[in-house]
Amino acid sequence: MRRYAWLAALLLTLTACGGPADPAAEPDAATDAQASAERDALEPELVATDAAGGPTTGRFKLGVHYLRLSPTQPTSSNPDQVEVAEVFWYGCPHCNAFDPLVEQWRKQKPDYVNFVRVPAVWNELLQLHARMFYTAEELGKGEEMHSEFFREIHERGNMLDTEEKIQAFFGRFGVEPALFKSTFESFAVQAKLQRADELNRRYRINSVPMMVVNGKYTTDGPSVGSYEELLVLVDELATAEREGR
């Protein structure tokens, strides 16, 4: 498999890690036309205005700081919960910078908020990292390993860009090679990858990190101005969803 260290260096110059519009991720014209038709049939629109008005305080504006998915997409959370999803990639320097803030927010969030992570999957390397994420989850090591994946890539310079490197990394956490391989290639992990791909399309993900509130609103750091403000907005949107606004 090709090495991707150059990609991480390039992305350091961006305000967010770009998605399928990146040249390296572009399919050929015929494939792109077919994929576009499939996306149009599946995905909701991103709406910048709402006849009912925005649900947040005057601090944030619909169409400026966040967008609305129309129609609202179903979530995997209980009906009495508000789902907040972070779409991310381990190789993205901005996701790496955002991760400590998300972790702090996650520990303080209201009980009615169900936080989930959805890996971005728009090219080969992202799909490999998504499989790595779901493998850790299936092995019950997601909490233990999540931030360590970021550290391995961004602090130690190991891009985890081959299955062999990933297997060796799992070995540091007590996972035997046979167990790693059977889980990495399992139906359960593959099913989760397919679900992540569907969500990426339904949420119209074109950069990361991206936050999606209750399948209804999308927002990111560049739209708001900072990651701290992004989480304030997420709290406001989650409160509005809880109150039925």
Protein backbone atom coordinates (compact mmCIF):
# COMPACT_ATOMS: atom_id res chain seq x y z
CA MET A 1 0.00 0.00 0.00
CA ARG A 2 1.23 3.50 -0.79
CA ARG A 3 2.56 5.72 1.94
CA TYR A 4 0.58 8.82 2.82
CA ALA A 5 2.92 10.91 4.98
CA TRP A 6 2.87 13.63 2.28
CA LEU A 7 -0.89 13.97 2.72
CA ALA A 8 -0.61 14.81 6.40
CA ALA A 9 1.97 17.51 5.63
CA LEU A 10 -0.28 19.04 2.98
CA LEU A 11 -3.32 19.09 5.24
CA LEU A 12 -1.50 21.12 7.87
CA THR A 13 -2.06 24.16 5.64
CA LEU A 14 -5.85 23.73 5.60
CA THR A 15 -8.48 24.93 8.03
CA ALA A 16 -10.24 21.59 7.73
CA CYS A 17 -9.34 18.30 6.08
CA GLY A 18 -11.02 18.30 2.67
CA GLY A 19 -13.16 15.50 1.37
CA PRO A 20 -13.96 13.87 -1.97
CA ALA A 21 -13.19 17.02 -3.96
CA ASP A 22 -9.47 16.45 -3.27
CA PRO A 23 -7.74 15.40 -6.56
CA ALA A 24 -6.32 12.22 -5.01
CA ALA A 25 -9.83 11.14 -4.10
CA GLU A 26 -11.49 11.92 -7.46
CA PRO A 27 -12.93 8.97 -9.41
CA ASP A 28 -12.96 8.94 -13.22
CA ALA A 29 -15.72 10.89 -15.01
CA ALA A 30 -18.05 7.93 -15.60
CA THR A 31 -17.74 6.68 -12.05
CA ASP A 32 -18.20 10.21 -10.73
CA ALA A 33 -21.42 10.70 -12.74
CA GLN A 34 -22.86 7.45 -11.44
CA ALA A 35 -21.82 8.26 -7.87
CA SER A 36 -23.39 11.72 -8.15
CA ALA A 37 -26.69 10.24 -9.30
CA GLU A 38 -26.64 7.77 -6.42
CA ARG A 39 -25.87 10.56 -3.94
CA ASP A 40 -28.69 12.73 -5.26
CA ALA A 41 -31.13 9.86 -4.80
CA LEU A 42 -29.97 9.19 -1.25
CA GLU A 43 -28.85 12.44 0.31
CA PRO A 44 -30.92 15.24 1.79
CA GLU A 45 -30.37 18.86 0.87
CA LEU A 46 -28.34 21.23 3.01
CA VAL A 47 -30.64 24.17 3.74
CA ALA A 48 -29.37 27.60 4.74
CA THR A 49 -32.77 29.08 5.64
CA ASP A 50 -35.73 27.82 7.63
CA ALA A 51 -39.26 29.24 7.53
CA ALA A 52 -39.63 28.42 11.21
CA GLY A 53 -36.47 30.34 12.06
CA GLY A 54 -33.26 29.07 13.62
CA PRO A 55 -33.38 27.30 16.97
CA THR A 56 -30.31 28.99 18.47
CA THR A 57 -29.72 32.29 20.21
CA GLY A 58 -28.66 35.36 18.24
CA ARG A 59 -25.07 34.29 18.76
CA PHE A 60 -25.36 31.80 15.87
CA LYS A 61 -27.15 32.08 12.53
CA LEU A 62 -28.58 29.35 10.33
CA GLY A 63 -26.86 29.51 6.96
CA VAL A 64 -23.77 31.15 8.44
CA HIS A 65 -22.66 29.03 11.39
CA TYR A 66 -24.60 25.86 10.66
CA LEU A 67 -26.82 24.26 8.03
CA ARG A 68 -29.96 22.16 8.21
CA LEU A 69 -30.36 18.75 6.60
CA SER A 70 -33.71 18.45 4.81
CA PRO A 71 -35.23 16.02 5.39
CA THR A 72 -33.87 15.20 8.84
CA GLN A 73 -31.97 11.93 8.84
CA PRO A 74 -32.75 9.00 11.18
CA THR A 75 -30.35 8.38 14.04
CA SER A 76 -29.27 5.23 15.85
CA SER A 77 -30.01 6.70 19.30
CA ASN A 78 -33.03 6.14 21.54
CA PRO A 79 -36.01 8.42 20.82
CA ASP A 80 -35.55 10.22 24.14
CA GLN A 81 -31.93 11.08 23.31
CA VAL A 82 -30.38 13.77 21.14
CA GLU A 83 -27.63 12.29 19.02
CA VAL A 84 -24.46 14.29 18.45
CA ALA A 85 -22.11 12.75 15.89
CA GLU A 86 -18.52 13.72 15.18
CA VAL A 87 -17.30 12.82 11.70
CA PHE A 88 -13.51 12.55 11.81
CA TRP A 89 -10.33 11.07 10.36
CA TYR A 90 -7.35 9.98 12.42
CA GLY A 91 -4.91 11.43 9.88
CA CYS A 92 -6.46 14.91 9.95
CA PRO A 93 -4.39 17.40 12.00
CA HIS A 94 -7.54 19.42 12.75
CA CYS A 95 -9.33 16.35 14.11
CA ASN A 96 -6.27 15.72 16.23
CA ALA A 97 -6.41 19.27 17.61
CA PHE A 98 -10.16 18.99 18.19
CA ASP A 99 -10.03 15.61 19.94
CA PRO A 100 -8.99 16.82 23.46
CA LEU A 101 -11.81 19.40 23.41
CA VAL A 102 -14.33 16.79 22.30
CA GLU A 103 -13.16 14.44 25.04
CA GLN A 104 -13.60 17.13 27.68
CA TRP A 105 -17.02 18.08 26.30
CA ARG A 106 -18.07 14.43 26.13
CA LYS A 107 -17.42 13.94 29.84
CA GLN A 108 -19.52 16.99 30.73
CA LYS A 109 -22.38 16.66 28.24
CA PRO A 110 -26.00 16.27 29.46
CA ASP A 111 -27.26 12.72 29.96
CA TYR A 112 -29.84 13.16 27.21
CA VAL A 113 -27.08 13.64 24.62
CA ASN A 114 -25.79 10.45 23.01
CA PHE A 115 -22.37 11.08 21.47
CA VAL A 116 -21.21 8.90 18.59
CA ARG A 117 -18.21 8.97 16.28
CA VAL A 118 -18.44 8.35 12.55
CA PRO A 119 -15.19 7.93 10.59
CA ALA A 120 -14.87 9.61 7.21
CA VAL A 121 -14.41 7.09 4.38
CA TRP A 122 -13.89 9.00 1.13
CA ASN A 123 -10.64 7.31 0.05
CA GLU A 124 -8.51 4.22 0.58
CA LEU A 125 -6.53 5.47 3.56
CA LEU A 126 -9.60 6.81 5.36
CA GLN A 127 -11.36 3.50 4.83
CA LEU A 128 -8.35 1.70 6.34
CA HIS A 129 -8.44 3.99 9.38
CA ALA A 130 -12.21 3.56 9.66
CA ARG A 131 -11.73 -0.21 9.72
CA MET A 132 -9.09 0.30 12.42
CA PHE A 133 -11.54 2.38 14.47
CA TYR A 134 -14.32 -0.21 14.23
CA THR A 135 -11.91 -3.06 14.99
CA ALA A 136 -10.95 -1.38 18.26
CA GLU A 137 -14.64 -0.83 19.00
CA GLU A 138 -15.50 -4.49 18.32
CA LEU A 139 -12.67 -5.60 20.63
CA GLY A 140 -13.94 -3.38 23.45
CA LYS A 141 -10.86 -1.17 23.21
CA GLY A 142 -12.35 1.88 21.55
CA GLU A 143 -12.13 4.11 24.61
CA GLU A 144 -8.60 2.96 25.37
CA MET A 145 -7.22 3.32 21.87
CA HIS A 146 -9.06 6.26 20.28
CA SER A 147 -6.78 9.10 21.39
CA GLU A 148 -3.76 6.81 21.08
CA PHE A 149 -4.40 6.45 17.35
CA PHE A 150 -4.11 10.24 17.05
CA ARG A 151 -0.90 10.28 19.11
CA GLU A 152 0.68 7.50 17.07
CA ILE A 153 0.06 9.36 13.83
CA HIS A 154 0.62 12.99 14.83
CA GLU A 155 3.22 12.73 17.59
CA ARG A 156 5.17 9.61 16.62
CA GLY A 157 4.91 9.96 12.85
CA ASN A 158 3.51 6.48 12.21
CA MET A 159 0.69 6.99 9.69
CA LEU A 160 -0.72 3.50 10.35
CA ASP A 161 -1.13 3.21 6.60
CA THR A 162 -0.85 -0.57 6.25
CA GLU A 163 -2.63 -3.48 7.90
CA GLU A 164 0.74 -4.71 9.19
CA LYS A 165 1.44 -1.44 11.02
CA ILE A 166 -2.06 -1.43 12.48
CA GLN A 167 -1.73 -5.03 13.65
CA ALA A 168 1.56 -4.20 15.36
CA PHE A 169 -0.06 -1.22 17.06
CA PHE A 170 -2.93 -3.36 18.35
CA GLY A 171 -0.31 -5.73 19.72
CA ARG A 172 0.80 -3.01 22.14
CA PHE A 173 -2.68 -3.20 23.64
CA GLY A 174 -2.57 -6.95 24.18
CA VAL A 175 -4.40 -8.00 21.00
CA GLU A 176 -3.03 -11.22 19.51
CA PRO A 177 -2.42 -11.22 15.72
CA ALA A 178 -5.04 -13.91 15.03
CA LEU A 179 -7.72 -12.07 17.01
CA PHE A 180 -6.82 -8.80 15.33
CA LYS A 181 -7.05 -10.28 11.84
CA SER A 182 -10.33 -12.11 12.43
CA THR A 183 -11.90 -8.94 13.83
CA PHE A 184 -10.36 -6.62 11.23
CA GLU A 185 -11.88 -8.77 8.47
CA SER A 186 -15.13 -9.58 10.28
CA PHE A 187 -18.66 -9.13 8.97
CA ALA A 188 -19.45 -6.89 11.96
CA VAL A 189 -16.68 -4.44 11.06
CA GLN A 190 -17.61 -4.52 7.38
CA ALA A 191 -21.24 -3.77 8.21
CA LYS A 192 -20.18 -0.76 10.28
CA LEU A 193 -18.01 0.49 7.42
CA GLN A 194 -20.97 0.30 5.08
CA ARG A 195 -23.09 2.21 7.57
CA ALA A 196 -20.36 4.87 7.91
CA ASP A 197 -20.27 5.25 4.12
CA GLU A 198 -24.04 5.73 4.04
CA LEU A 199 -23.92 8.32 6.83
CA ASN A 200 -21.07 10.21 5.12
CA ARG A 201 -23.29 10.52 2.04
CA ARG A 202 -26.48 11.31 3.93
CA TYR A 203 -24.72 14.01 5.95
CA ARG A 204 -22.99 15.37 2.81
CA ILE A 205 -19.59 15.23 4.45
CA ASN A 206 -16.96 17.13 2.47
CA SER A 207 -14.51 17.96 5.25
CA VAL A 208 -13.63 16.95 8.79
CA PRO A 209 -14.04 17.42 11.66
CA MET A 210 -17.78 17.89 11.20
CA MET A 211 -20.49 17.79 13.87
CA VAL A 212 -24.01 16.53 13.14
CA VAL A 213 -26.76 17.19 15.68
CA ASN A 214 -29.67 14.75 15.76
CA GLY A 215 -29.45 14.02 12.04
CA LYS A 216 -30.70 17.56 11.46
CA TYR A 217 -27.90 20.14 11.68
CA THR A 218 -24.30 20.15 10.45
CA THR A 219 -21.55 22.51 11.52
CA ASP A 220 -17.77 22.77 11.73
CA GLY A 221 -14.97 24.86 13.18
CA PRO A 222 -14.34 27.16 10.17
CA SER A 223 -18.05 28.06 10.03
CA VAL A 224 -18.11 29.10 13.69
CA GLY A 225 -14.61 30.50 14.12
CA SER A 226 -13.10 28.15 16.69
CA TYR A 227 -13.55 24.65 18.05
CA GLU A 228 -14.52 26.04 21.44
CA GLU A 229 -17.35 28.02 19.84
CA LEU A 230 -18.30 24.97 17.78
CA LEU A 231 -19.06 23.03 20.94
CA VAL A 232 -21.08 25.94 22.34
CA LEU A 233 -23.18 25.83 19.17
CA VAL A 234 -23.56 22.06 19.44
CA ASP A 235 -24.87 22.50 22.98
CA GLU A 236 -27.41 25.10 21.82
CA LEU A 237 -28.64 22.89 18.98
CA ALA A 238 -28.87 19.85 21.26
CA THR A 239 -30.86 21.87 23.83
CA ALA A 240 -33.23 23.07 21.10
CA GLU A 241 -33.76 19.50 19.92
CA ARG A 242 -34.42 18.37 23.48
CA GLU A 243 -37.03 21.11 23.91
CA GLY A 244 -38.64 20.41 20.55
CA ARG A 245 -37.81 23.80 19.04
